[in-house]
């Protein structure tokens, strides 16, 4: 199965026995992943800062003129929330209700009071699924935290996809559920020693369709396949970016060989 191949790649390449491999992964997040991820995750929700403006704001600490203050906070807060989940991962903390509420509170800082479940009904524009309301919502979010620890039937990629899809299906907060759920998904990937992934704003239609398929039919496969493909691309990018030149080609060859065993790709290094 393709998930088995990805686990093999993780063990042989991402966790290849080097004492500093974990630090290399974290350096990759800071150096190559963070800006693009924050840009895409906020842009999916309608934030108008460009990738360059996001970089100026977060990396160069240069104020971006002509933008709504809320949009500035959305980008800055998302970056802070990523720092928070990385700190929790380093502390080896399992994903919990406290962490979820903390993430949401950081995401919504200076925008609205975060970490507080909604007490009103919500409808998602253009979606065929209506999130649960009232006591049903509270019951489902409590079951969600229980299932986070008990869903042993899912492989790590499926578990990360489910963590996201089930959270947005319940939609426990009045706002910020999308940004929060993408951070929670990456929490699960990181906890299982995979790289975090970024869903590009250009792919939002396929992304929303996969989430809708889960919300209506409880079919996680389309979304899990999307996360699988993103993880493959992220591993390839990380190898290209962080590995020493004398080791890069051999690791990429091993990576492509493992994927080719599953007839996933056909790529040759020249």
C-alpha atoms as a PDB file:
ATOM      1  CA  UNK A   1       0.000   0.000   0.000  1.00  0.00           C
ATOM      2  CA  UNK A   2       1.165   3.533  -0.720  1.00  0.00           C
ATOM      3  CA  UNK A   3       0.919   4.546   2.953  1.00  0.00           C
ATOM      4  CA  UNK A   4       3.315   1.743   3.843  1.00  0.00           C
ATOM      5  CA  UNK A   5       5.786   3.135   1.318  1.00  0.00           C
ATOM      6  CA  UNK A   6       5.521   6.572   2.902  1.00  0.00           C
ATOM      7  CA  UNK A   7       6.190   5.109   6.344  1.00  0.00           C
ATOM      8  CA  UNK A   8       9.252   3.387   4.893  1.00  0.00           C
ATOM      9  CA  UNK A   9      10.446   6.684   3.404  1.00  0.00           C
ATOM     10  CA  UNK A  10       9.933   8.403   6.737  1.00  0.00           C
ATOM     11  CA  UNK A  11      11.962   5.796   8.594  1.00  0.00           C
ATOM     12  CA  UNK A  12      14.781   5.542   6.039  1.00  0.00           C
ATOM     13  CA  UNK A  13      15.106   9.202   5.064  1.00  0.00           C
ATOM     14  CA  UNK A  14      13.445  11.592   7.521  1.00  0.00           C
ATOM     15  CA  UNK A  15      14.526   9.474  10.501  1.00  0.00           C
ATOM     16  CA  UNK A  16      17.702   8.141   8.986  1.00  0.00           C
ATOM     17  CA  UNK A  17      19.613   7.752  12.235  1.00  0.00           C
ATOM     18  CA  UNK A  18      21.430  11.058  12.095  1.00  0.00           C
ATOM     19  CA  UNK A  19      21.508  12.735  15.512  1.00  0.00           C
ATOM     20  CA  UNK A  20      20.715  16.110  13.970  1.00  0.00           C
ATOM     21  CA  UNK A  21      18.015  14.933  11.540  1.00  0.00           C
ATOM     22  CA  UNK A  22      15.158  16.204  13.692  1.00  0.00           C
ATOM     23  CA  UNK A  23      16.825  19.615  13.965  1.00  0.00           C
ATOM     24  CA  UNK A  24      17.255  19.650  10.190  1.00  0.00           C
ATOM     25  CA  UNK A  25      13.524  19.086   9.781  1.00  0.00           C
ATOM     26  CA  UNK A  26      12.733  21.948  12.141  1.00  0.00           C
ATOM     27  CA  UNK A  27      15.245  24.201  10.379  1.00  0.00           C
ATOM     28  CA  UNK A  28      13.530  23.345   7.101  1.00  0.00           C
ATOM     29  CA  UNK A  29      10.208  24.498   8.557  1.00  0.00           C
ATOM     30  CA  UNK A  30      11.698  27.815   9.631  1.00  0.00           C
ATOM     31  CA  UNK A  31      13.762  28.418   6.509  1.00  0.00           C
ATOM     32  CA  UNK A  32      11.547  27.181   3.667  1.00  0.00           C
ATOM     33  CA  UNK A  33       8.083  26.216   4.882  1.00  0.00           C
ATOM     34  CA  UNK A  34       6.809  28.791   7.373  1.00  0.00           C
ATOM     35  CA  UNK A  35       6.207  31.811   5.114  1.00  0.00           C
ATOM     36  CA  UNK A  36       4.494  29.916   2.303  1.00  0.00           C
ATOM     37  CA  UNK A  37       2.354  27.947   4.746  1.00  0.00           C
ATOM     38  CA  UNK A  38       1.163  31.035   6.613  1.00  0.00           C
ATOM     39  CA  UNK A  39       0.450  32.796   3.335  1.00  0.00           C
ATOM     40  CA  UNK A  40      -1.575  29.909   1.887  1.00  0.00           C
ATOM     41  CA  UNK A  41      -3.477  29.107   5.061  1.00  0.00           C
ATOM     42  CA  UNK A  42      -4.626  32.705   5.513  1.00  0.00           C
ATOM     43  CA  UNK A  43      -5.176  33.341   1.782  1.00  0.00           C
ATOM     44  CA  UNK A  44      -7.536  30.347   1.553  1.00  0.00           C
ATOM     45  CA  UNK A  45      -9.760  32.228   3.999  1.00  0.00           C
ATOM     46  CA  UNK A  46      -9.643  35.423   1.927  1.00  0.00           C
ATOM     47  CA  UNK A  47      -6.611  37.258   3.318  1.00  0.00           C
ATOM     48  CA  UNK A  48      -5.212  39.504   0.573  1.00  0.00           C
ATOM     49  CA  UNK A  49      -1.546  39.748   1.640  1.00  0.00           C
ATOM     50  CA  UNK A  50       0.713  38.419  -1.096  1.00  0.00           C
ATOM     51  CA  UNK A  51       3.507  35.940  -0.456  1.00  0.00           C
ATOM     52  CA  UNK A  52       6.065  38.763  -0.642  1.00  0.00           C
ATOM     53  CA  UNK A  53       4.036  40.912   1.777  1.00  0.00           C
ATOM     54  CA  UNK A  54       3.783  37.963   4.158  1.00  0.00           C
ATOM     55  CA  UNK A  55       7.562  37.552   4.030  1.00  0.00           C
ATOM     56  CA  UNK A  56       8.126  41.268   4.642  1.00  0.00           C
ATOM     57  CA  UNK A  57       5.816  41.199   7.634  1.00  0.00           C
ATOM     58  CA  UNK A  58       7.053  38.007   9.308  1.00  0.00           C
ATOM     59  CA  UNK A  59      10.676  37.691   8.286  1.00  0.00           C
ATOM     60  CA  UNK A  60      11.798  41.264   7.668  1.00  0.00           C
ATOM     61  CA  UNK A  61       9.457  42.843  10.268  1.00  0.00           C
ATOM     62  CA  UNK A  62       8.400  45.510   7.766  1.00  0.00           C
ATOM     63  CA  UNK A  63       4.888  46.928   8.079  1.00  0.00           C
ATOM     64  CA  UNK A  64       2.620  46.408   5.066  1.00  0.00           C
ATOM     65  CA  UNK A  65       0.681  49.523   4.127  1.00  0.00           C
ATOM     66  CA  UNK A  66      -2.851  49.676   2.777  1.00  0.00           C
ATOM     67  CA  UNK A  67      -4.003  46.459   4.436  1.00  0.00           C
ATOM     68  CA  UNK A  68      -6.814  45.982   6.900  1.00  0.00           C
ATOM     69  CA  UNK A  69      -5.521  45.535  10.455  1.00  0.00           C
ATOM     70  CA  UNK A  70      -7.398  42.250  10.777  1.00  0.00           C
ATOM     71  CA  UNK A  71      -5.449  40.839   7.830  1.00  0.00           C
ATOM     72  CA  UNK A  72      -2.178  41.793   9.493  1.00  0.00           C
ATOM     73  CA  UNK A  73      -3.239  40.073  12.705  1.00  0.00           C
ATOM     74  CA  UNK A  74      -4.352  36.963  10.797  1.00  0.00           C
ATOM     75  CA  UNK A  75      -0.854  36.515   9.365  1.00  0.00           C
ATOM     76  CA  UNK A  76       1.054  37.389  12.547  1.00  0.00           C
ATOM     77  CA  UNK A  77      -1.224  35.225  14.698  1.00  0.00           C
ATOM     78  CA  UNK A  78      -0.919  32.230  12.394  1.00  0.00           C
ATOM     79  CA  UNK A  79       2.855  32.430  12.612  1.00  0.00           C
ATOM     80  CA  UNK A  80       2.656  32.574  16.420  1.00  0.00           C
ATOM     81  CA  UNK A  81       0.318  29.571  16.445  1.00  0.00           C
ATOM     82  CA  UNK A  82       2.824  27.587  14.365  1.00  0.00           C
ATOM     83  CA  UNK A  83       5.502  28.417  16.946  1.00  0.00           C
ATOM     84  CA  UNK A  84       3.158  27.208  19.669  1.00  0.00           C
ATOM     85  CA  UNK A  85       2.467  23.832  18.071  1.00  0.00           C
ATOM     86  CA  UNK A  86       6.181  23.325  17.420  1.00  0.00           C
ATOM     87  CA  UNK A  87       6.864  23.956  21.104  1.00  0.00           C
ATOM     88  CA  UNK A  88       4.192  21.406  22.060  1.00  0.00           C
ATOM     89  CA  UNK A  89       5.688  18.854  19.661  1.00  0.00           C
ATOM     90  CA  UNK A  90       9.136  19.390  21.170  1.00  0.00           C
ATOM     91  CA  UNK A  91       7.589  18.791  24.610  1.00  0.00           C
ATOM     92  CA  UNK A  92       6.053  15.561  23.248  1.00  0.00           C
ATOM     93  CA  UNK A  93       2.527  16.613  24.213  1.00  0.00           C
ATOM     94  CA  UNK A  94      -0.363  14.691  22.618  1.00  0.00           C
ATOM     95  CA  UNK A  95      -3.003  16.803  20.898  1.00  0.00           C
ATOM     96  CA  UNK A  96      -5.643  17.731  23.485  1.00  0.00           C
ATOM     97  CA  UNK A  97      -8.582  20.051  24.068  1.00  0.00           C
ATOM     98  CA  UNK A  98      -6.332  22.511  25.865  1.00  0.00           C
ATOM     99  CA  UNK A  99      -3.930  22.687  22.930  1.00  0.00           C
ATOM    100  CA  UNK A 100      -6.804  23.089  20.450  1.00  0.00           C
ATOM    101  CA  UNK A 101      -8.263  25.965  22.448  1.00  0.00           C
ATOM    102  CA  UNK A 102      -4.836  27.552  22.853  1.00  0.00           C
ATOM    103  CA  UNK A 103      -4.182  27.340  19.112  1.00  0.00           C
ATOM    104  CA  UNK A 104      -7.526  28.958  18.351  1.00  0.00           C
ATOM    105  CA  UNK A 105      -6.941  31.689  20.937  1.00  0.00           C
ATOM    106  CA  UNK A 106      -3.598  32.546  19.314  1.00  0.00           C
ATOM    107  CA  UNK A 107      -5.088  32.454  15.802  1.00  0.00           C
ATOM    108  CA  UNK A 108      -7.828  34.893  16.828  1.00  0.00           C
ATOM    109  CA  UNK A 109      -5.759  37.205  19.083  1.00  0.00           C
ATOM    110  CA  UNK A 110      -6.761  40.877  18.650  1.00  0.00           C
ATOM    111  CA  UNK A 111      -9.611  39.765  16.348  1.00  0.00           C
ATOM    112  CA  UNK A 112     -12.088  38.139  18.737  1.00  0.00           C
ATOM    113  CA  UNK A 113     -11.995  36.161  21.965  1.00  0.00           C
ATOM    114  CA  UNK A 114     -10.603  32.780  20.987  1.00  0.00           C
ATOM    115  CA  UNK A 115     -10.716  29.341  22.552  1.00  0.00           C
ATOM    116  CA  UNK A 116     -14.437  29.644  23.325  1.00  0.00           C
ATOM    117  CA  UNK A 117     -16.936  27.328  21.632  1.00  0.00           C
ATOM    118  CA  UNK A 118     -19.757  28.943  19.678  1.00  0.00           C
ATOM    119  CA  UNK A 119     -23.246  29.126  21.140  1.00  0.00           C
ATOM    120  CA  UNK A 120     -25.070  29.891  17.898  1.00  0.00           C
ATOM    121  CA  UNK A 121     -25.885  27.959  14.746  1.00  0.00           C
ATOM    122  CA  UNK A 122     -23.640  28.452  11.728  1.00  0.00           C
ATOM    123  CA  UNK A 123     -23.961  27.810   8.013  1.00  0.00           C
ATOM    124  CA  UNK A 124     -21.009  27.471   5.662  1.00  0.00           C
ATOM    125  CA  UNK A 125     -21.578  29.352   2.430  1.00  0.00           C
ATOM    126  CA  UNK A 126     -21.768  27.051  -0.591  1.00  0.00           C
ATOM    127  CA  UNK A 127     -21.533  23.837   1.457  1.00  0.00           C
ATOM    128  CA  UNK A 128     -24.089  21.056   1.515  1.00  0.00           C
ATOM    129  CA  UNK A 129     -23.242  20.222   5.113  1.00  0.00           C
ATOM    130  CA  UNK A 130     -24.620  22.158   8.087  1.00  0.00           C
ATOM    131  CA  UNK A 131     -22.483  21.909  11.258  1.00  0.00           C
ATOM    132  CA  UNK A 132     -24.195  20.612  14.407  1.00  0.00           C
ATOM    133  CA  UNK A 133     -25.739  23.121  16.789  1.00  0.00           C
ATOM    134  CA  UNK A 134     -26.346  23.412  20.533  1.00  0.00           C
ATOM    135  CA  UNK A 135     -25.777  20.397  22.726  1.00  0.00           C
ATOM    136  CA  UNK A 136     -25.146  18.207  19.691  1.00  0.00           C
ATOM    137  CA  UNK A 137     -22.110  20.302  18.808  1.00  0.00           C
ATOM    138  CA  UNK A 138     -20.785  20.082  22.390  1.00  0.00           C
ATOM    139  CA  UNK A 139     -21.316  16.319  22.395  1.00  0.00           C
ATOM    140  CA  UNK A 140     -19.529  15.878  19.077  1.00  0.00           C
ATOM    141  CA  UNK A 141     -16.522  17.997  20.011  1.00  0.00           C
ATOM    142  CA  UNK A 142     -16.108  16.012  23.242  1.00  0.00           C
ATOM    143  CA  UNK A 143     -16.221  12.778  21.227  1.00  0.00           C
ATOM    144  CA  UNK A 144     -13.653  14.299  18.872  1.00  0.00           C
ATOM    145  CA  UNK A 145     -11.088  14.648  21.670  1.00  0.00           C
ATOM    146  CA  UNK A 146     -11.733  11.093  22.783  1.00  0.00           C
ATOM    147  CA  UNK A 147     -11.325   9.807  19.221  1.00  0.00           C
ATOM    148  CA  UNK A 148      -8.044  11.712  18.787  1.00  0.00           C
ATOM    149  CA  UNK A 149      -6.480   9.184  21.139  1.00  0.00           C
ATOM    150  CA  UNK A 150      -8.537   6.129  20.166  1.00  0.00           C
ATOM    151  CA  UNK A 151      -8.640   6.071  16.336  1.00  0.00           C
ATOM    152  CA  UNK A 152      -6.049   3.315  16.015  1.00  0.00           C
ATOM    153  CA  UNK A 153      -7.650   2.141  12.752  1.00  0.00           C
ATOM    154  CA  UNK A 154      -6.058   5.047  10.838  1.00  0.00           C
ATOM    155  CA  UNK A 155      -2.490   5.297   9.567  1.00  0.00           C
ATOM    156  CA  UNK A 156      -0.666   8.569  10.411  1.00  0.00           C
ATOM    157  CA  UNK A 157      -1.610  10.309   7.130  1.00  0.00           C
ATOM    158  CA  UNK A 158      -5.261   9.315   7.448  1.00  0.00           C
ATOM    159  CA  UNK A 159      -5.220  10.351  11.119  1.00  0.00           C
ATOM    160  CA  UNK A 160      -3.910  13.807  10.216  1.00  0.00           C
ATOM    161  CA  UNK A 161      -6.540  14.159   7.474  1.00  0.00           C
ATOM    162  CA  UNK A 162      -9.289  12.996   9.833  1.00  0.00           C
ATOM    163  CA  UNK A 163      -8.138  15.406  12.556  1.00  0.00           C
ATOM    164  CA  UNK A 164      -8.664  18.287  10.139  1.00  0.00           C
ATOM    165  CA  UNK A 165     -11.814  17.052   8.368  1.00  0.00           C
ATOM    166  CA  UNK A 166     -13.718  16.072  11.494  1.00  0.00           C
ATOM    167  CA  UNK A 167     -12.845  19.347  13.217  1.00  0.00           C
ATOM    168  CA  UNK A 168     -14.189  21.521  10.390  1.00  0.00           C
ATOM    169  CA  UNK A 169     -17.232  19.263  10.055  1.00  0.00           C
ATOM    170  CA  UNK A 170     -18.093  20.032  13.698  1.00  0.00           C
ATOM    171  CA  UNK A 171     -17.022  23.693  13.271  1.00  0.00           C
ATOM    172  CA  UNK A 172     -16.817  24.327  17.036  1.00  0.00           C
ATOM    173  CA  UNK A 173     -15.785  28.000  16.900  1.00  0.00           C
ATOM    174  CA  UNK A 174     -17.607  30.932  15.363  1.00  0.00           C
ATOM    175  CA  UNK A 175     -14.568  31.838  13.227  1.00  0.00           C
ATOM    176  CA  UNK A 176     -11.042  30.612  12.562  1.00  0.00           C
ATOM    177  CA  UNK A 177     -11.903  26.917  12.229  1.00  0.00           C
ATOM    178  CA  UNK A 178     -10.073  26.503   8.917  1.00  0.00           C
ATOM    179  CA  UNK A 179      -6.754  27.987  10.044  1.00  0.00           C
ATOM    180  CA  UNK A 180      -6.982  26.106  13.335  1.00  0.00           C
ATOM    181  CA  UNK A 181      -7.776  22.776  11.683  1.00  0.00           C
ATOM    182  CA  UNK A 182      -4.846  23.046   9.261  1.00  0.00           C
ATOM    183  CA  UNK A 183      -2.540  23.672  12.222  1.00  0.00           C
ATOM    184  CA  UNK A 184      -4.023  20.652  14.032  1.00  0.00           C
ATOM    185  CA  UNK A 185      -3.491  18.489  10.958  1.00  0.00           C
ATOM    186  CA  UNK A 186       0.161  19.498  10.869  1.00  0.00           C
ATOM    187  CA  UNK A 187       0.412  18.854  14.598  1.00  0.00           C
ATOM    188  CA  UNK A 188      -0.529  15.240  13.890  1.00  0.00           C
ATOM    189  CA  UNK A 189       1.926  14.951  11.003  1.00  0.00           C
ATOM    190  CA  UNK A 190       4.771  16.364  13.078  1.00  0.00           C
ATOM    191  CA  UNK A 191       3.871  14.167  16.046  1.00  0.00           C
ATOM    192  CA  UNK A 192       4.274  11.152  13.776  1.00  0.00           C
ATOM    193  CA  UNK A 193       7.629  12.427  12.440  1.00  0.00           C
ATOM    194  CA  UNK A 194       6.324  13.598   9.084  1.00  0.00           C
ATOM    195  CA  UNK A 195       6.789  17.053   7.625  1.00  0.00           C
ATOM    196  CA  UNK A 196       3.947  19.578   7.808  1.00  0.00           C
ATOM    197  CA  UNK A 197       2.131  20.332   4.550  1.00  0.00           C
ATOM    198  CA  UNK A 198       0.718  23.464   2.970  1.00  0.00           C
ATOM    199  CA  UNK A 199      -2.466  23.498   0.890  1.00  0.00           C
ATOM    200  CA  UNK A 200      -2.048  26.112  -1.814  1.00  0.00           C
ATOM    201  CA  UNK A 201      -4.806  28.677  -2.202  1.00  0.00           C
ATOM    202  CA  UNK A 202      -4.980  27.749  -5.913  1.00  0.00           C
ATOM    203  CA  UNK A 203      -6.120  24.239  -4.869  1.00  0.00           C
ATOM    204  CA  UNK A 204      -8.907  25.423  -2.590  1.00  0.00           C
ATOM    205  CA  UNK A 205     -11.699  23.995  -4.786  1.00  0.00           C
ATOM    206  CA  UNK A 206     -10.316  20.436  -4.645  1.00  0.00           C
ATOM    207  CA  UNK A 207      -9.599  20.968  -0.971  1.00  0.00           C
ATOM    208  CA  UNK A 208     -13.154  22.085  -0.189  1.00  0.00           C
ATOM    209  CA  UNK A 209     -14.603  19.263  -2.283  1.00  0.00           C
ATOM    210  CA  UNK A 210     -12.572  16.666  -0.367  1.00  0.00           C
ATOM    211  CA  UNK A 211     -13.714  18.127   2.964  1.00  0.00           C
ATOM    212  CA  UNK A 212     -17.319  18.155   1.738  1.00  0.00           C
ATOM    213  CA  UNK A 213     -17.059  14.504   0.748  1.00  0.00           C
ATOM    214  CA  UNK A 214     -16.014  13.679   4.291  1.00  0.00           C
ATOM    215  CA  UNK A 215     -18.632  15.923   5.940  1.00  0.00           C
ATOM    216  CA  UNK A 216     -21.511  14.409   3.960  1.00  0.00           C
ATOM    217  CA  UNK A 217     -20.402  10.803   3.403  1.00  0.00           C
ATOM    218  CA  UNK A 218     -17.701  10.334   6.072  1.00  0.00           C
ATOM    219  CA  UNK A 219     -15.343   9.286   3.299  1.00  0.00           C
ATOM    220  CA  UNK A 220     -11.853  10.377   4.322  1.00  0.00           C
ATOM    221  CA  UNK A 221     -10.052   8.792   1.354  1.00  0.00           C
ATOM    222  CA  UNK A 222     -10.078  11.774  -1.073  1.00  0.00           C
ATOM    223  CA  UNK A 223      -8.709  14.133   1.571  1.00  0.00           C
ATOM    224  CA  UNK A 224      -6.190  11.591   2.879  1.00  0.00           C
ATOM    225  CA  UNK A 225      -4.961  11.100  -0.704  1.00  0.00           C
ATOM    226  CA  UNK A 226      -4.520  14.863  -1.027  1.00  0.00           C
ATOM    227  CA  UNK A 227      -2.461  14.985   2.164  1.00  0.00           C
ATOM    228  CA  UNK A 228      -0.420  11.970   1.007  1.00  0.00           C
ATOM    229  CA  UNK A 229       0.472  13.737  -2.258  1.00  0.00           C
ATOM    230  CA  UNK A 230       1.383  16.936  -0.410  1.00  0.00           C
ATOM    231  CA  UNK A 231       3.589  15.000   2.008  1.00  0.00           C
ATOM    232  CA  UNK A 232       5.432  13.332  -0.862  1.00  0.00           C
ATOM    233  CA  UNK A 233       6.130  16.734  -2.440  1.00  0.00           C
ATOM    234  CA  UNK A 234       7.219  18.208   0.903  1.00  0.00           C
ATOM    235  CA  UNK A 235       9.691  15.390   1.571  1.00  0.00           C
ATOM    236  CA  UNK A 236      11.161  15.776  -1.903  1.00  0.00           C
ATOM    237  CA  UNK A 237      11.504  19.530  -1.392  1.00  0.00           C
ATOM    238  CA  UNK A 238      13.073  19.084   2.052  1.00  0.00           C
ATOM    239  CA  UNK A 239      15.682  16.672   0.728  1.00  0.00           C
ATOM    240  CA  UNK A 240      16.557  19.141  -2.017  1.00  0.00           C
ATOM    241  CA  UNK A 241      16.788  22.062   0.402  1.00  0.00           C
ATOM    242  CA  UNK A 242      18.445  20.769   3.565  1.00  0.00           C
ATOM    243  CA  UNK A 243      20.619  17.799   2.630  1.00  0.00           C
ATOM    244  CA  UNK A 244      24.360  18.291   1.922  1.00  0.00           C
ATOM    245  CA  UNK A 245      25.192  18.168  -1.782  1.00  0.00           C
ATOM    246  CA  UNK A 246      27.227  14.978  -1.404  1.00  0.00           C
ATOM    247  CA  UNK A 247      24.217  13.150   0.093  1.00  0.00           C
ATOM    248  CA  UNK A 248      21.333  14.787  -1.748  1.00  0.00           C
ATOM    249  CA  UNK A 249      21.327  12.670  -4.912  1.00  0.00           C
ATOM    250  CA  UNK A 250      21.604   9.351  -3.101  1.00  0.00           C
ATOM    251  CA  UNK A 251      18.707  10.266  -0.795  1.00  0.00           C
ATOM    252  CA  UNK A 252      16.591  11.456  -3.720  1.00  0.00           C
ATOM    253  CA  UNK A 253      17.357   8.222  -5.586  1.00  0.00           C
ATOM    254  CA  UNK A 254      16.259   6.217  -2.541  1.00  0.00           C
ATOM    255  CA  UNK A 255      13.130   8.393  -2.261  1.00  0.00           C
ATOM    256  CA  UNK A 256      12.139   7.940  -5.911  1.00  0.00           C
ATOM    257  CA  UNK A 257      12.906   4.222  -5.793  1.00  0.00           C
ATOM    258  CA  UNK A 258      10.562   3.734  -2.841  1.00  0.00           C
ATOM    259  CA  UNK A 259       7.783   5.609  -4.605  1.00  0.00           C
ATOM    260  CA  UNK A 260       8.366   3.787  -7.883  1.00  0.00           C
ATOM    261  CA  UNK A 261       7.866   0.501  -6.048  1.00  0.00           C
ATOM    262  CA  UNK A 262       4.282   1.675  -5.669  1.00  0.00           C
ATOM    263  CA  UNK A 263       4.147   2.956  -9.282  1.00  0.00           C
ATOM    264  CA  UNK A 264       3.615   6.409  -7.887  1.00  0.00           C
ATOM    265  CA  UNK A 265       6.070   8.361 -10.051  1.00  0.00           C
ATOM    266  CA  UNK A 266       8.716   7.926 -12.701  1.00  0.00           C
ATOM    267  CA  UNK A 267      11.534  10.398 -12.197  1.00  0.00           C
ATOM    268  CA  UNK A 268      15.203  10.216 -13.061  1.00  0.00           C
ATOM    269  CA  UNK A 269      17.984  12.340 -11.626  1.00  0.00           C
ATOM    270  CA  UNK A 270      20.424  13.615 -14.230  1.00  0.00           C
END
